[in-house]
Amino acid sequence: MVETTLTNIETVSLEATQIIRSKEQEGEHIPIVALTAQTRKGTLVSCLAVGMDDVLVKPTRLEKIQQVIELLCRN
């Protein structure tokens, strides 16, 4: 018998965000933006709750990606 853990990318991304946020130093902020095909409100809420800065839903336009990056770089 082999033990294994299966997880989806959403869970991994949420956990990774939590780890990154827990290791940030005072005054440090690493921008994190989710890019997902999920349109459920729960997905948005989950991503923002763990500390992601924004969520883009696929398909998205290059202009929207640029807008989000520019906004995050100003802050």
N, C-alpha and C. Protein backbone atom coordinates (compact mmCIF):
# COMPACT_ATOMS: atom_id res chain seq x y z
N MET A 1 0.83 -1.17 0.00
CA MET A 1 0.00 0.00 0.00
C MET A 1 0.88 1.24 0.00
N VAL A 2 0.51 2.22 -0.84
CA VAL A 2 1.26 3.46 -0.95
C VAL A 2 0.39 4.60 -0.45
N GLU A 3 0.95 5.40 0.41
CA GLU A 3 0.21 6.57 0.88
C GLU A 3 0.52 7.75 -0.03
N THR A 4 -0.49 8.48 -0.36
CA THR A 4 -0.29 9.65 -1.20
C THR A 4 -1.33 10.71 -0.84
N THR A 5 -1.02 11.92 -1.16
CA THR A 5 -1.94 13.02 -0.94
C THR A 5 -2.23 13.67 -2.27
N LEU A 6 -3.50 13.81 -2.58
CA LEU A 6 -3.90 14.48 -3.80
C LEU A 6 -4.53 15.80 -3.42
N THR A 7 -4.19 16.83 -4.13
CA THR A 7 -4.75 18.14 -3.86
C THR A 7 -4.94 18.86 -5.18
N ASN A 8 -5.84 19.78 -5.21
CA ASN A 8 -5.99 20.56 -6.43
C ASN A 8 -5.18 21.83 -6.34
N ILE A 9 -4.97 22.46 -7.48
CA ILE A 9 -4.11 23.64 -7.52
C ILE A 9 -4.67 24.78 -6.68
N GLU A 10 -6.00 24.88 -6.56
CA GLU A 10 -6.59 25.92 -5.72
C GLU A 10 -6.11 25.81 -4.29
N THR A 11 -6.17 24.62 -3.74
CA THR A 11 -5.75 24.41 -2.37
C THR A 11 -4.28 24.74 -2.20
N VAL A 12 -3.46 24.30 -3.14
CA VAL A 12 -2.02 24.58 -3.08
C VAL A 12 -1.78 26.09 -3.13
N SER A 13 -2.48 26.79 -4.00
CA SER A 13 -2.31 28.24 -4.11
C SER A 13 -2.74 28.95 -2.84
N LEU A 14 -3.83 28.51 -2.25
CA LEU A 14 -4.29 29.12 -1.01
C LEU A 14 -3.30 28.88 0.11
N GLU A 15 -2.80 27.67 0.22
CA GLU A 15 -1.81 27.36 1.25
C GLU A 15 -0.51 28.11 1.02
N ALA A 16 -0.08 28.21 -0.23
CA ALA A 16 1.15 28.93 -0.55
C ALA A 16 1.02 30.40 -0.18
N THR A 17 -0.14 30.98 -0.44
CA THR A 17 -0.37 32.37 -0.09
C THR A 17 -0.29 32.56 1.42
N GLN A 18 -0.89 31.67 2.17
CA GLN A 18 -0.84 31.76 3.63
C GLN A 18 0.60 31.69 4.13
N ILE A 19 1.39 30.81 3.55
CA ILE A 19 2.80 30.68 3.96
C ILE A 19 3.58 31.95 3.64
N ILE A 20 3.38 32.47 2.42
CA ILE A 20 4.08 33.70 2.03
C ILE A 20 3.71 34.84 2.97
N ARG A 21 2.42 35.00 3.23
CA ARG A 21 1.97 36.09 4.12
C ARG A 21 2.54 35.93 5.53
N SER A 22 2.65 34.71 6.01
CA SER A 22 3.15 34.49 7.38
C SER A 22 4.65 34.79 7.49
N LYS A 23 5.36 34.78 6.37
CA LYS A 23 6.81 35.00 6.40
C LYS A 23 7.21 36.42 6.01
N GLU A 24 6.23 37.24 5.62
CA GLU A 24 6.56 38.62 5.26
C GLU A 24 7.04 39.38 6.50
N GLN A 25 8.03 40.21 6.28
CA GLN A 25 8.57 41.04 7.35
C GLN A 25 7.74 42.30 7.49
N GLU A 26 7.89 43.01 8.59
CA GLU A 26 7.20 44.27 8.83
C GLU A 26 7.45 45.23 7.66
N GLY A 27 6.38 45.75 7.08
CA GLY A 27 6.49 46.69 5.97
C GLY A 27 6.69 46.04 4.61
N GLU A 28 6.84 44.74 4.57
CA GLU A 28 7.04 44.02 3.32
C GLU A 28 5.69 43.49 2.82
N HIS A 29 5.49 43.55 1.51
CA HIS A 29 4.27 42.99 0.94
C HIS A 29 4.57 42.47 -0.45
N ILE A 30 4.38 41.19 -0.64
CA ILE A 30 4.59 40.56 -1.94
C ILE A 30 3.23 40.47 -2.62
N PRO A 31 3.07 41.12 -3.77
CA PRO A 31 1.78 41.06 -4.47
C PRO A 31 1.47 39.63 -4.95
N ILE A 32 0.25 39.20 -4.70
CA ILE A 32 -0.20 37.89 -5.16
C ILE A 32 -1.56 38.06 -5.83
N VAL A 33 -1.64 37.62 -7.07
CA VAL A 33 -2.88 37.71 -7.84
C VAL A 33 -3.22 36.31 -8.35
N ALA A 34 -4.45 35.90 -8.10
CA ALA A 34 -4.91 34.61 -8.59
C ALA A 34 -5.43 34.77 -10.02
N LEU A 35 -5.16 33.79 -10.84
CA LEU A 35 -5.72 33.70 -12.19
C LEU A 35 -6.45 32.38 -12.24
N THR A 36 -7.78 32.42 -12.33
CA THR A 36 -8.57 31.21 -12.21
C THR A 36 -9.69 31.18 -13.23
N ALA A 37 -10.17 29.99 -13.52
CA ALA A 37 -11.34 29.83 -14.38
C ALA A 37 -12.61 29.75 -13.54
N GLN A 38 -12.45 29.70 -12.23
CA GLN A 38 -13.59 29.58 -11.32
C GLN A 38 -14.32 30.92 -11.22
N THR A 39 -15.62 30.89 -11.39
CA THR A 39 -16.41 32.12 -11.31
C THR A 39 -17.28 32.17 -10.06
N ARG A 40 -17.15 31.18 -9.21
CA ARG A 40 -17.96 31.15 -7.98
C ARG A 40 -17.50 32.26 -7.04
N LYS A 41 -18.46 32.89 -6.37
CA LYS A 41 -18.13 33.93 -5.41
C LYS A 41 -17.26 33.38 -4.29
N GLY A 42 -17.47 32.13 -3.94
CA GLY A 42 -16.68 31.51 -2.88
C GLY A 42 -15.20 31.46 -3.20
N THR A 43 -14.88 31.29 -4.47
CA THR A 43 -13.47 31.28 -4.88
C THR A 43 -12.84 32.64 -4.63
N LEU A 44 -13.53 33.69 -5.02
CA LEU A 44 -13.03 35.04 -4.79
C LEU A 44 -12.85 35.31 -3.30
N VAL A 45 -13.85 34.96 -2.52
CA VAL A 45 -13.80 35.19 -1.07
C VAL A 45 -12.63 34.42 -0.46
N SER A 46 -12.45 33.15 -0.85
CA SER A 46 -11.36 32.33 -0.31
C SER A 46 -10.00 32.92 -0.64
N CYS A 47 -9.82 33.36 -1.87
CA CYS A 47 -8.53 33.93 -2.28
C CYS A 47 -8.21 35.19 -1.51
N LEU A 48 -9.18 36.07 -1.39
CA LEU A 48 -8.95 37.32 -0.67
C LEU A 48 -8.78 37.08 0.83
N ALA A 49 -9.48 36.09 1.36
CA ALA A 49 -9.40 35.79 2.80
C ALA A 49 -8.01 35.32 3.22
N VAL A 50 -7.29 34.63 2.34
CA VAL A 50 -5.94 34.16 2.70
C VAL A 50 -4.87 35.19 2.42
N GLY A 51 -5.27 36.33 1.81
CA GLY A 51 -4.30 37.40 1.62
C GLY A 51 -3.90 37.70 0.19
N MET A 52 -4.57 37.09 -0.78
CA MET A 52 -4.28 37.46 -2.16
C MET A 52 -4.76 38.89 -2.38
N ASP A 53 -4.08 39.60 -3.27
CA ASP A 53 -4.42 41.00 -3.51
C ASP A 53 -5.56 41.17 -4.50
N ASP A 54 -5.69 40.24 -5.42
CA ASP A 54 -6.74 40.35 -6.43
C ASP A 54 -6.96 38.98 -7.06
N VAL A 55 -8.06 38.87 -7.77
CA VAL A 55 -8.40 37.62 -8.47
C VAL A 55 -8.86 37.98 -9.87
N LEU A 56 -8.22 37.41 -10.87
CA LEU A 56 -8.63 37.59 -12.25
C LEU A 56 -9.25 36.29 -12.73
N VAL A 57 -10.35 36.42 -13.45
CA VAL A 57 -11.05 35.24 -13.96
C VAL A 57 -10.74 35.08 -15.44
N LYS A 58 -10.34 33.86 -15.82
CA LYS A 58 -10.07 33.56 -17.23
C LYS A 58 -11.39 33.38 -17.97
N PRO A 59 -11.46 33.73 -19.21
CA PRO A 59 -10.41 34.46 -19.93
C PRO A 59 -10.39 35.93 -19.50
N THR A 60 -9.22 36.50 -19.53
CA THR A 60 -9.07 37.91 -19.17
C THR A 60 -8.26 38.60 -20.24
N ARG A 61 -8.35 39.88 -20.28
CA ARG A 61 -7.65 40.65 -21.30
C ARG A 61 -6.31 41.14 -20.75
N LEU A 62 -5.37 41.28 -21.64
CA LEU A 62 -4.04 41.76 -21.27
C LEU A 62 -4.14 43.11 -20.56
N GLU A 63 -5.03 43.95 -21.03
CA GLU A 63 -5.19 45.28 -20.42
C GLU A 63 -5.58 45.17 -18.94
N LYS A 64 -6.42 44.21 -18.60
CA LYS A 64 -6.83 44.01 -17.21
C LYS A 64 -5.65 43.55 -16.36
N ILE A 65 -4.85 42.65 -16.90
CA ILE A 65 -3.65 42.18 -16.19
C ILE A 65 -2.69 43.35 -15.95
N GLN A 66 -2.48 44.16 -16.97
CA GLN A 66 -1.60 45.32 -16.83
C GLN A 66 -2.14 46.29 -15.79
N GLN A 67 -3.46 46.50 -15.79
CA GLN A 67 -4.08 47.41 -14.83
C GLN A 67 -3.85 46.95 -13.39
N VAL A 68 -4.03 45.66 -13.16
CA VAL A 68 -3.83 45.11 -11.82
C VAL A 68 -2.38 45.24 -11.39
N ILE A 69 -1.46 44.92 -12.28
CA ILE A 69 -0.03 45.02 -11.96
C ILE A 69 0.36 46.46 -11.65
N GLU A 70 -0.11 47.40 -12.48
CA GLU A 70 0.20 48.80 -12.24
C GLU A 70 -0.34 49.28 -10.90
N LEU A 71 -1.56 48.88 -10.57
CA LEU A 71 -2.15 49.26 -9.29
C LEU A 71 -1.34 48.71 -8.12
N LEU A 72 -0.93 47.45 -8.21
CA LEU A 72 -0.17 46.82 -7.13
C LEU A 72 1.23 47.43 -7.00
N CYS A 73 1.81 47.86 -8.11
CA CYS A 73 3.14 48.45 -8.06
C CYS A 73 3.13 49.84 -7.43
N ARG A 74 1.99 50.53 -7.48
CA ARG A 74 1.86 51.85 -6.87
C ARG A 74 1.76 51.76 -5.36
N ASN A 75 1.24 50.65 -4.87
CA ASN A 75 1.01 50.52 -3.42
C ASN A 75 2.20 50.02 -2.69
